[in-house]
PDB file of N, CA and C in Angstrom:
ATOM      1  N   UNK A   1     153.207  41.076 175.757  1.00  0.00           N
ATOM      2  CA  UNK A   1     152.301  40.658 174.491  1.00  0.00           C
ATOM      3  C   UNK A   1     153.235  41.274 173.210  1.00  0.00           C
ATOM      4  N   UNK A   2     153.459  40.317 172.218  1.00  0.00           N
ATOM      5  CA  UNK A   2     154.205  40.764 171.053  1.00  0.00           C
ATOM      6  C   UNK A   2     153.163  40.965 169.909  1.00  0.00           C
ATOM      7  N   UNK A   3     153.318  42.334 169.397  1.00  0.00           N
ATOM      8  CA  UNK A   3     152.296  42.763 168.478  1.00  0.00           C
ATOM      9  C   UNK A   3     153.065  42.640 167.095  1.00  0.00           C
ATOM     10  N   UNK A   4     152.533  42.285 165.963  1.00  0.00           N
ATOM     11  CA  UNK A   4     153.204  42.249 164.640  1.00  0.00           C
ATOM     12  C   UNK A   4     153.054  43.669 164.211  1.00  0.00           C
ATOM     13  N   UNK A   5     154.071  44.295 163.845  1.00  0.00           N
ATOM     14  CA  UNK A   5     154.383  45.705 163.448  1.00  0.00           C
ATOM     15  C   UNK A   5     154.237  45.684 161.948  1.00  0.00           C
ATOM     16  N   UNK A   6     153.585  46.415 161.369  1.00  0.00           N
ATOM     17  CA  UNK A   6     153.592  46.467 159.832  1.00  0.00           C
ATOM     18  C   UNK A   6     153.679  47.813 159.211  1.00  0.00           C
ATOM     19  N   UNK A   7     154.521  48.017 158.343  1.00  0.00           N
ATOM     20  CA  UNK A   7     154.598  49.376 157.703  1.00  0.00           C
ATOM     21  C   UNK A   7     153.445  49.640 156.821  1.00  0.00           C
ATOM     22  N   UNK A   8     153.625  50.877 156.086  1.00  0.00           N
ATOM     23  CA  UNK A   8     152.692  51.234 155.176  1.00  0.00           C
ATOM     24  C   UNK A   8     153.225  52.368 154.244  1.00  0.00           C
ATOM     25  N   UNK A   9     152.237  52.820 153.485  1.00  0.00           N
ATOM     26  CA  UNK A   9     152.481  53.871 152.333  1.00  0.00           C
ATOM     27  C   UNK A   9     151.284  54.886 152.456  1.00  0.00           C
ATOM     28  N   UNK A  10     151.796  56.137 152.291  1.00  0.00           N
ATOM     29  CA  UNK A  10     150.831  57.141 152.049  1.00  0.00           C
ATOM     30  C   UNK A  10     151.119  57.556 150.507  1.00  0.00           C
ATOM     31  N   UNK A  11     150.009  57.685 149.840  1.00  0.00           N
ATOM     32  CA  UNK A  11     150.204  57.740 148.336  1.00  0.00           C
ATOM     33  C   UNK A  11     148.940  58.889 147.934  1.00  0.00           C
ATOM     34  N   UNK A  12     149.296  59.290 146.704  1.00  0.00           N
ATOM     35  CA  UNK A  12     148.382  60.289 145.929  1.00  0.00           C
ATOM     36  C   UNK A  12     148.262  59.873 144.581  1.00  0.00           C
ATOM     37  N   UNK A  13     146.868  59.510 144.252  1.00  0.00           N
ATOM     38  CA  UNK A  13     146.331  59.152 142.874  1.00  0.00           C
ATOM     39  C   UNK A  13     145.971  60.497 142.282  1.00  0.00           C
ATOM     40  N   UNK A  14     146.028  60.682 140.911  1.00  0.00           N
ATOM     41  CA  UNK A  14     145.450  61.826 140.054  1.00  0.00           C
ATOM     42  C   UNK A  14     145.050  61.228 138.687  1.00  0.00           C
ATOM     43  N   UNK A  15     144.419  62.132 138.134  1.00  0.00           N
ATOM     44  CA  UNK A  15     143.881  61.869 136.652  1.00  0.00           C
ATOM     45  C   UNK A  15     144.983  62.389 135.730  1.00  0.00           C
ATOM     46  N   UNK A  16     145.536  63.526 135.993  1.00  0.00           N
ATOM     47  CA  UNK A  16     146.367  64.195 135.057  1.00  0.00           C
ATOM     48  C   UNK A  16     147.146  65.307 135.801  1.00  0.00           C
ATOM     49  N   UNK A  17     147.879  65.918 134.946  1.00  0.00           N
ATOM     50  CA  UNK A  17     148.812  67.081 135.573  1.00  0.00           C
ATOM     51  C   UNK A  17     147.946  68.085 136.578  1.00  0.00           C
ATOM     52  N   UNK A  18     148.186  68.276 137.757  1.00  0.00           N
ATOM     53  CA  UNK A  18     147.564  69.061 138.533  1.00  0.00           C
ATOM     54  C   UNK A  18     145.986  68.967 138.408  1.00  0.00           C
ATOM     55  N   UNK A  19     145.443  67.765 138.230  1.00  0.00           N
ATOM     56  CA  UNK A  19     143.934  67.601 138.125  1.00  0.00           C
ATOM     57  C   UNK A  19     143.460  67.171 139.730  1.00  0.00           C
ATOM     58  N   UNK A  20     142.441  66.295 139.478  1.00  0.00           N
ATOM     59  CA  UNK A  20     141.729  65.806 140.664  1.00  0.00           C
ATOM     60  C   UNK A  20     142.835  64.795 141.543  1.00  0.00           C
ATOM     61  N   UNK A  21     142.709  64.723 142.730  1.00  0.00           N
ATOM     62  CA  UNK A  21     143.923  63.991 143.528  1.00  0.00           C
ATOM     63  C   UNK A  21     142.938  63.321 144.590  1.00  0.00           C
ATOM     64  N   UNK A  22     143.577  62.124 144.992  1.00  0.00           N
ATOM     65  CA  UNK A  22     143.039  61.380 146.163  1.00  0.00           C
ATOM     66  C   UNK A  22     144.320  61.084 146.972  1.00  0.00           C
ATOM     67  N   UNK A  23     144.223  61.163 148.215  1.00  0.00           N
ATOM     68  CA  UNK A  23     145.407  60.949 149.108  1.00  0.00           C
ATOM     69  C   UNK A  23     144.891  59.754 149.904  1.00  0.00           C
ATOM     70  N   UNK A  24     145.572  58.589 149.940  1.00  0.00           N
ATOM     71  CA  UNK A  24     145.317  57.413 150.602  1.00  0.00           C
ATOM     72  C   UNK A  24     146.329  56.804 151.566  1.00  0.00           C
ATOM     73  N   UNK A  25     146.096  55.755 152.196  1.00  0.00           N
ATOM     74  CA  UNK A  25     146.965  55.090 153.056  1.00  0.00           C
ATOM     75  C   UNK A  25     146.819  53.620 152.819  1.00  0.00           C
ATOM     76  N   UNK A  26     147.754  52.731 152.706  1.00  0.00           N
ATOM     77  CA  UNK A  26     147.457  51.286 152.726  1.00  0.00           C
ATOM     78  C   UNK A  26     148.756  50.756 153.318  1.00  0.00           C
ATOM     79  N   UNK A  27     148.701  49.325 153.607  1.00  0.00           N
ATOM     80  CA  UNK A  27     149.809  48.643 153.984  1.00  0.00           C
ATOM     81  C   UNK A  27     150.269  47.801 152.794  1.00  0.00           C
ATOM     82  N   UNK A  28     149.577  47.679 151.789  1.00  0.00           N
ATOM     83  CA  UNK A  28     149.955  47.033 150.559  1.00  0.00           C
ATOM     84  C   UNK A  28     149.755  47.955 149.287  1.00  0.00           C
ATOM     85  N   UNK A  29     150.793  48.578 148.924  1.00  0.00           N
ATOM     86  CA  UNK A  29     150.840  49.668 147.817  1.00  0.00           C
ATOM     87  C   UNK A  29     150.254  48.936 146.514  1.00  0.00           C
ATOM     88  N   UNK A  30     150.979  47.857 146.104  1.00  0.00           N
ATOM     89  CA  UNK A  30     150.792  47.143 144.949  1.00  0.00           C
ATOM     90  C   UNK A  30     149.206  46.788 144.813  1.00  0.00           C
ATOM     91  N   UNK A  31     148.797  46.226 145.700  1.00  0.00           N
ATOM     92  CA  UNK A  31     147.348  45.704 145.808  1.00  0.00           C
ATOM     93  C   UNK A  31     146.443  46.898 145.734  1.00  0.00           C
ATOM     94  N   UNK A  32     146.602  47.952 146.455  1.00  0.00           N
ATOM     95  CA  UNK A  32     145.677  49.182 146.432  1.00  0.00           C
ATOM     96  C   UNK A  32     145.654  49.804 145.146  1.00  0.00           C
ATOM     97  N   UNK A  33     146.891  50.023 144.419  1.00  0.00           N
ATOM     98  CA  UNK A  33     146.939  50.516 143.188  1.00  0.00           C
ATOM     99  C   UNK A  33     146.175  49.760 141.931  1.00  0.00           C
ATOM    100  N   UNK A  34     146.332  48.442 142.194  1.00  0.00           N
ATOM    101  CA  UNK A  34     145.705  47.545 141.303  1.00  0.00           C
ATOM    102  C   UNK A  34     144.080  47.859 141.440  1.00  0.00           C
ATOM    103  N   UNK A  35     143.660  47.817 142.793  1.00  0.00           N
ATOM    104  CA  UNK A  35     142.370  48.067 142.852  1.00  0.00           C
ATOM    105  C   UNK A  35     141.670  49.435 142.432  1.00  0.00           C
ATOM    106  N   UNK A  36     142.567  50.411 142.598  1.00  0.00           N
ATOM    107  CA  UNK A  36     142.093  51.787 142.014  1.00  0.00           C
ATOM    108  C   UNK A  36     142.021  51.663 140.345  1.00  0.00           C
ATOM    109  N   UNK A  37     142.995  51.095 139.823  1.00  0.00           N
ATOM    110  CA  UNK A  37     143.086  50.926 138.443  1.00  0.00           C
ATOM    111  C   UNK A  37     142.008  50.216 137.901  1.00  0.00           C
ATOM    112  N   UNK A  38     141.377  49.169 138.509  1.00  0.00           N
ATOM    113  CA  UNK A  38     140.203  48.346 138.191  1.00  0.00           C
ATOM    114  C   UNK A  38     138.966  48.926 138.907  1.00  0.00           C
ATOM    115  N   UNK A  39     138.876  50.061 139.329  1.00  0.00           N
ATOM    116  CA  UNK A  39     137.713  50.694 139.840  1.00  0.00           C
ATOM    117  C   UNK A  39     137.213  50.077 141.124  1.00  0.00           C
ATOM    118  N   UNK A  40     138.100  49.447 141.626  1.00  0.00           N
ATOM    119  CA  UNK A  40     137.638  48.721 142.950  1.00  0.00           C
ATOM    120  C   UNK A  40     138.102  49.287 144.164  1.00  0.00           C
ATOM    121  N   UNK A  41     138.755  50.373 143.967  1.00  0.00           N
ATOM    122  CA  UNK A  41     139.153  51.286 145.203  1.00  0.00           C
ATOM    123  C   UNK A  41     138.107  52.165 145.764  1.00  0.00           C
ATOM    124  N   UNK A  42     138.463  53.348 145.868  1.00  0.00           N
ATOM    125  CA  UNK A  42     137.402  54.283 146.533  1.00  0.00           C
ATOM    126  C   UNK A  42     136.522  54.651 145.498  1.00  0.00           C
ATOM    127  N   UNK A  43     135.186  55.105 145.995  1.00  0.00           N
ATOM    128  CA  UNK A  43     134.318  55.606 145.026  1.00  0.00           C
ATOM    129  C   UNK A  43     134.910  56.916 144.373  1.00  0.00           C
ATOM    130  N   UNK A  44     135.620  57.712 145.039  1.00  0.00           N
ATOM    131  CA  UNK A  44     136.165  58.944 144.693  1.00  0.00           C
ATOM    132  C   UNK A  44     136.787  58.621 143.507  1.00  0.00           C
ATOM    133  N   UNK A  45     137.869  57.801 143.511  1.00  0.00           N
ATOM    134  CA  UNK A  45     138.800  57.534 142.439  1.00  0.00           C
ATOM    135  C   UNK A  45     138.013  56.834 141.280  1.00  0.00           C
ATOM    136  N   UNK A  46     137.066  56.103 141.626  1.00  0.00           N
ATOM    137  CA  UNK A  46     136.305  55.314 140.351  1.00  0.00           C
ATOM    138  C   UNK A  46     135.609  56.765 139.740  1.00  0.00           C
ATOM    139  N   UNK A  47     134.751  57.471 140.656  1.00  0.00           N
ATOM    140  CA  UNK A  47     134.180  58.674 139.841  1.00  0.00           C
ATOM    141  C   UNK A  47     134.834  59.617 138.998  1.00  0.00           C
ATOM    142  N   UNK A  48     136.294  59.772 139.415  1.00  0.00           N
ATOM    143  CA  UNK A  48     136.967  60.800 138.745  1.00  0.00           C
ATOM    144  C   UNK A  48     138.274  60.160 138.015  1.00  0.00           C
ATOM    145  N   UNK A  49     138.131  58.693 137.795  1.00  0.00           N
ATOM    146  CA  UNK A  49     139.139  57.985 136.988  1.00  0.00           C
ATOM    147  C   UNK A  49     140.469  58.576 137.429  1.00  0.00           C
ATOM    148  N   UNK A  50     140.791  58.237 138.758  1.00  0.00           N
ATOM    149  CA  UNK A  50     142.018  58.444 139.361  1.00  0.00           C
ATOM    150  C   UNK A  50     142.747  57.368 139.322  1.00  0.00           C
ATOM    151  N   UNK A  51     143.665  56.971 138.133  1.00  0.00           N
ATOM    152  CA  UNK A  51     144.233  55.719 138.082  1.00  0.00           C
ATOM    153  C   UNK A  51     145.884  56.080 138.041  1.00  0.00           C
ATOM    154  N   UNK A  52     146.364  57.188 138.213  1.00  0.00           N
ATOM    155  CA  UNK A  52     147.686  57.339 138.122  1.00  0.00           C
ATOM    156  C   UNK A  52     148.272  57.580 139.467  1.00  0.00           C
ATOM    157  N   UNK A  53     149.319  57.062 139.939  1.00  0.00           N
ATOM    158  CA  UNK A  53     150.132  57.021 141.140  1.00  0.00           C
ATOM    159  C   UNK A  53     151.021  58.093 140.900  1.00  0.00           C
ATOM    160  N   UNK A  54     150.992  59.218 141.516  1.00  0.00           N
ATOM    161  CA  UNK A  54     152.068  60.265 141.204  1.00  0.00           C
ATOM    162  C   UNK A  54     152.901  60.750 142.619  1.00  0.00           C
ATOM    163  N   UNK A  55     152.525  59.980 143.583  1.00  0.00           N
ATOM    164  CA  UNK A  55     153.440  60.233 144.759  1.00  0.00           C
ATOM    165  C   UNK A  55     153.084  59.085 145.707  1.00  0.00           C
ATOM    166  N   UNK A  56     154.026  58.556 146.376  1.00  0.00           N
ATOM    167  CA  UNK A  56     153.995  57.802 147.412  1.00  0.00           C
ATOM    168  C   UNK A  56     155.250  57.767 148.384  1.00  0.00           C
ATOM    169  N   UNK A  57     155.097  57.520 149.704  1.00  0.00           N
ATOM    170  CA  UNK A  57     155.981  57.607 150.680  1.00  0.00           C
ATOM    171  C   UNK A  57     155.718  56.258 151.641  1.00  0.00           C
ATOM    172  N   UNK A  58     156.723  55.518 152.049  1.00  0.00           N
ATOM    173  CA  UNK A  58     156.550  54.727 152.829  1.00  0.00           C
ATOM    174  C   UNK A  58     157.241  54.872 154.338  1.00  0.00           C
ATOM    175  N   UNK A  59     156.653  54.115 155.098  1.00  0.00           N
ATOM    176  CA  UNK A  59     156.991  54.279 156.602  1.00  0.00           C
ATOM    177  C   UNK A  59     157.043  53.045 157.185  1.00  0.00           C
ATOM    178  N   UNK A  60     157.755  52.665 158.104  1.00  0.00           N
ATOM    179  CA  UNK A  60     157.971  51.419 158.954  1.00  0.00           C
ATOM    180  C   UNK A  60     156.715  51.135 159.895  1.00  0.00           C
ATOM    181  N   UNK A  61     155.876  52.234 160.266  1.00  0.00           N
ATOM    182  CA  UNK A  61     154.857  52.106 161.235  1.00  0.00           C
ATOM    183  C   UNK A  61     153.510  52.418 160.471  1.00  0.00           C
ATOM    184  N   UNK A  62     152.372  51.760 160.290  1.00  0.00           N
ATOM    185  CA  UNK A  62     151.327  52.093 159.552  1.00  0.00           C
ATOM    186  C   UNK A  62     150.699  53.196 160.441  1.00  0.00           C
ATOM    187  N   UNK A  63     150.794  53.367 161.708  1.00  0.00           N
ATOM    188  CA  UNK A  63     150.184  54.385 162.445  1.00  0.00           C
ATOM    189  C   UNK A  63     150.930  55.811 162.052  1.00  0.00           C
ATOM    190  N   UNK A  64     152.059  55.734 161.732  1.00  0.00           N
ATOM    191  CA  UNK A  64     152.799  56.966 160.996  1.00  0.00           C
ATOM    192  C   UNK A  64     152.201  57.395 159.834  1.00  0.00           C
ATOM    193  N   UNK A  65     151.936  56.458 159.044  1.00  0.00           N
ATOM    194  CA  UNK A  65     151.323  56.620 157.651  1.00  0.00           C
ATOM    195  C   UNK A  65     149.920  57.200 157.792  1.00  0.00           C
ATOM    196  N   UNK A  66     149.243  56.668 158.637  1.00  0.00           N
ATOM    197  CA  UNK A  66     147.815  57.196 158.974  1.00  0.00           C
ATOM    198  C   UNK A  66     147.763  58.616 159.345  1.00  0.00           C
ATOM    199  N   UNK A  67     148.870  58.891 160.294  1.00  0.00           N
ATOM    200  CA  UNK A  67     148.794  60.318 160.791  1.00  0.00           C
ATOM    201  C   UNK A  67     149.229  61.105 159.665  1.00  0.00           C
ATOM    202  N   UNK A  68     150.184  60.828 158.713  1.00  0.00           N
ATOM    203  CA  UNK A  68     150.552  61.641 157.790  1.00  0.00           C
ATOM    204  C   UNK A  68     149.465  61.775 156.843  1.00  0.00           C
ATOM    205  N   UNK A  69     148.847  60.851 156.446  1.00  0.00           N
ATOM    206  CA  UNK A  69     147.672  60.801 155.593  1.00  0.00           C
ATOM    207  C   UNK A  69     146.717  62.011 155.929  1.00  0.00           C
ATOM    208  N   UNK A  70     146.444  61.924 157.373  1.00  0.00           N
ATOM    209  CA  UNK A  70     145.255  62.851 157.798  1.00  0.00           C
ATOM    210  C   UNK A  70     145.762  64.285 157.562  1.00  0.00           C
ATOM    211  N   UNK A  71     147.278  64.544 157.796  1.00  0.00           N
ATOM    212  CA  UNK A  71     147.763  65.801 157.591  1.00  0.00           C
ATOM    213  C   UNK A  71     147.817  66.155 156.010  1.00  0.00           C
ATOM    214  N   UNK A  72     148.241  65.420 155.141  1.00  0.00           N
ATOM    215  CA  UNK A  72     148.259  65.704 153.872  1.00  0.00           C
ATOM    216  C   UNK A  72     146.815  65.981 153.397  1.00  0.00           C
ATOM    217  N   UNK A  73     145.941  65.280 153.771  1.00  0.00           N
ATOM    218  CA  UNK A  73     144.490  65.494 153.362  1.00  0.00           C
ATOM    219  C   UNK A  73     143.935  66.980 153.640  1.00  0.00           C
ATOM    220  N   UNK A  74     144.551  67.434 154.726  1.00  0.00           N
ATOM    221  CA  UNK A  74     144.042  68.913 155.171  1.00  0.00           C
ATOM    222  C   UNK A  74     144.808  70.044 154.453  1.00  0.00           C
ATOM    223  N   UNK A  75     146.130  69.624 153.762  1.00  0.00           N
ATOM    224  CA  UNK A  75     146.766  70.629 152.986  1.00  0.00           C
ATOM    225  C   UNK A  75     146.016  71.245 151.955  1.00  0.00           C
ATOM    226  N   UNK A  76     146.521  72.603 151.517  1.00  0.00           N
ATOM    227  CA  UNK A  76     145.917  73.059 150.453  1.00  0.00           C
ATOM    228  C   UNK A  76     146.424  72.440 149.227  1.00  0.00           C
ATOM    229  N   UNK A  77     145.596  72.519 148.016  1.00  0.00           N
ATOM    230  CA  UNK A  77     146.032  71.898 146.806  1.00  0.00           C
ATOM    231  C   UNK A  77     147.620  72.340 146.430  1.00  0.00           C
ATOM    232  N   UNK A  78     147.817  73.555 146.530  1.00  0.00           N
ATOM    233  CA  UNK A  78     149.102  73.997 146.138  1.00  0.00           C
ATOM    234  C   UNK A  78     150.244  73.433 146.879  1.00  0.00           C
ATOM    235  N   UNK A  79     149.954  73.036 148.067  1.00  0.00           N
ATOM    236  CA  UNK A  79     150.922  72.420 148.857  1.00  0.00           C
ATOM    237  C   UNK A  79     151.234  70.939 148.331  1.00  0.00           C
ATOM    238  N   UNK A  80     150.107  70.245 148.033  1.00  0.00           N
ATOM    239  CA  UNK A  80     150.001  68.940 147.545  1.00  0.00           C
ATOM    240  C   UNK A  80     150.905  68.939 146.165  1.00  0.00           C
ATOM    241  N   UNK A  81     150.511  69.981 145.303  1.00  0.00           N
ATOM    242  CA  UNK A  81     151.193  70.085 143.971  1.00  0.00           C
ATOM    243  C   UNK A  81     152.846  70.005 144.189  1.00  0.00           C
ATOM    244  N   UNK A  82     153.176  70.973 145.263  1.00  0.00           N
ATOM    245  CA  UNK A  82     154.564  71.072 145.620  1.00  0.00           C
ATOM    246  C   UNK A  82     155.230  69.745 146.084  1.00  0.00           C
ATOM    247  N   UNK A  83     154.391  68.919 146.983  1.00  0.00           N
ATOM    248  CA  UNK A  83     154.969  67.695 147.363  1.00  0.00           C
ATOM    249  C   UNK A  83     155.046  66.709 146.191  1.00  0.00           C
ATOM    250  N   UNK A  84     154.191  66.585 145.245  1.00  0.00           N
ATOM    251  CA  UNK A  84     154.173  65.688 144.201  1.00  0.00           C
ATOM    252  C   UNK A  84     155.539  66.157 143.207  1.00  0.00           C
ATOM    253  N   UNK A  85     155.344  67.567 142.872  1.00  0.00           N
ATOM    254  CA  UNK A  85     156.400  68.036 141.859  1.00  0.00           C
ATOM    255  C   UNK A  85     157.864  68.158 142.380  1.00  0.00           C
ATOM    256  N   UNK A  86     158.158  67.921 143.779  1.00  0.00           N
ATOM    257  CA  UNK A  86     159.274  67.782 144.192  1.00  0.00           C
ATOM    258  C   UNK A  86     160.214  66.654 143.540  1.00  0.00           C
ATOM    259  N   UNK A  87     159.353  65.609 143.541  1.00  0.00           N
ATOM    260  CA  UNK A  87     159.895  64.214 143.087  1.00  0.00           C
ATOM    261  C   UNK A  87     159.390  63.792 141.833  1.00  0.00           C
ATOM    262  N   UNK A  88     158.367  64.322 141.186  1.00  0.00           N
ATOM    263  CA  UNK A  88     157.704  63.950 140.002  1.00  0.00           C
ATOM    264  C   UNK A  88     157.150  65.207 139.295  1.00  0.00           C
ATOM    265  N   UNK A  89     157.987  65.961 138.769  1.00  0.00           N
ATOM    266  CA  UNK A  89     157.487  67.520 138.175  1.00  0.00           C
ATOM    267  C   UNK A  89     156.551  67.215 137.001  1.00  0.00           C
ATOM    268  N   UNK A  90     156.654  66.216 136.370  1.00  0.00           N
ATOM    269  CA  UNK A  90     155.731  66.106 135.024  1.00  0.00           C
ATOM    270  C   UNK A  90     154.522  65.109 135.515  1.00  0.00           C
ATOM    271  N   UNK A  91     154.298  64.715 136.780  1.00  0.00           N
ATOM    272  CA  UNK A  91     153.119  63.861 137.198  1.00  0.00           C
ATOM    273  C   UNK A  91     152.874  62.730 136.514  1.00  0.00           C
ATOM    274  N   UNK A  92     154.109  62.003 136.296  1.00  0.00           N
ATOM    275  CA  UNK A  92     153.961  60.678 135.605  1.00  0.00           C
ATOM    276  C   UNK A  92     153.496  59.731 136.383  1.00  0.00           C
ATOM    277  N   UNK A  93     152.996  58.473 135.837  1.00  0.00           N
ATOM    278  CA  UNK A  93     152.679  57.380 136.752  1.00  0.00           C
ATOM    279  C   UNK A  93     153.894  56.696 137.129  1.00  0.00           C
ATOM    280  N   UNK A  94     154.056  56.594 138.567  1.00  0.00           N
ATOM    281  CA  UNK A  94     155.142  56.022 138.982  1.00  0.00           C
ATOM    282  C   UNK A  94     154.772  54.532 139.520  1.00  0.00           C
ATOM    283  N   UNK A  95     153.794  53.903 139.215  1.00  0.00           N
ATOM    284  CA  UNK A  95     153.743  52.612 139.668  1.00  0.00           C
ATOM    285  C   UNK A  95     154.609  51.583 139.075  1.00  0.00           C
ATOM    286  N   UNK A  96     155.032  51.808 137.864  1.00  0.00           N
ATOM    287  CA  UNK A  96     156.022  50.839 137.321  1.00  0.00           C
ATOM    288  C   UNK A  96     157.269  50.928 138.115  1.00  0.00           C
ATOM    289  N   UNK A  97     157.631  52.196 138.589  1.00  0.00           N
ATOM    290  CA  UNK A  97     159.007  52.223 139.222  1.00  0.00           C
ATOM    291  C   UNK A  97     158.897  51.775 140.670  1.00  0.00           C
ATOM    292  N   UNK A  98     157.662  52.080 141.245  1.00  0.00           N
ATOM    293  CA  UNK A  98     157.397  51.784 142.720  1.00  0.00           C
ATOM    294  C   UNK A  98     157.124  50.228 142.942  1.00  0.00           C
ATOM    295  N   UNK A  99     156.451  49.762 142.113  1.00  0.00           N
ATOM    296  CA  UNK A  99     155.806  48.379 142.431  1.00  0.00           C
ATOM    297  C   UNK A  99     156.581  47.202 141.950  1.00  0.00           C
TER     298      UNK A  99
END
C-alpha cells in the first residue's frame, strides 16, 4: 500500500515582542497564516490577536511536525523566546519572507 506522505510546518504566532504566543502545526503554512490573520484560525489567536508569524520550521513528514509541536508547547516561555530570537531577534513578522 502506497501512502502519500506530506510534509508540514511547526510555527509560532505572536501579538508583539515577547508577548502572547501560539504554537501550531499545519501542512499548509500560507493558508493557516491567512486564517489566523482573518480570525478564522484558533480561538486563542483570535482572542489575543496573534497575527504575527515569528517562527516557523518545516519538515518532510507531518508526523515529525506534530511531535515537535507537542514538545515546543511544553517548553517554558523563556525557551520559546530563545528559539524565536535565534533567527528573529526583533520578532518581526516573517510571513512575507516565508510565504
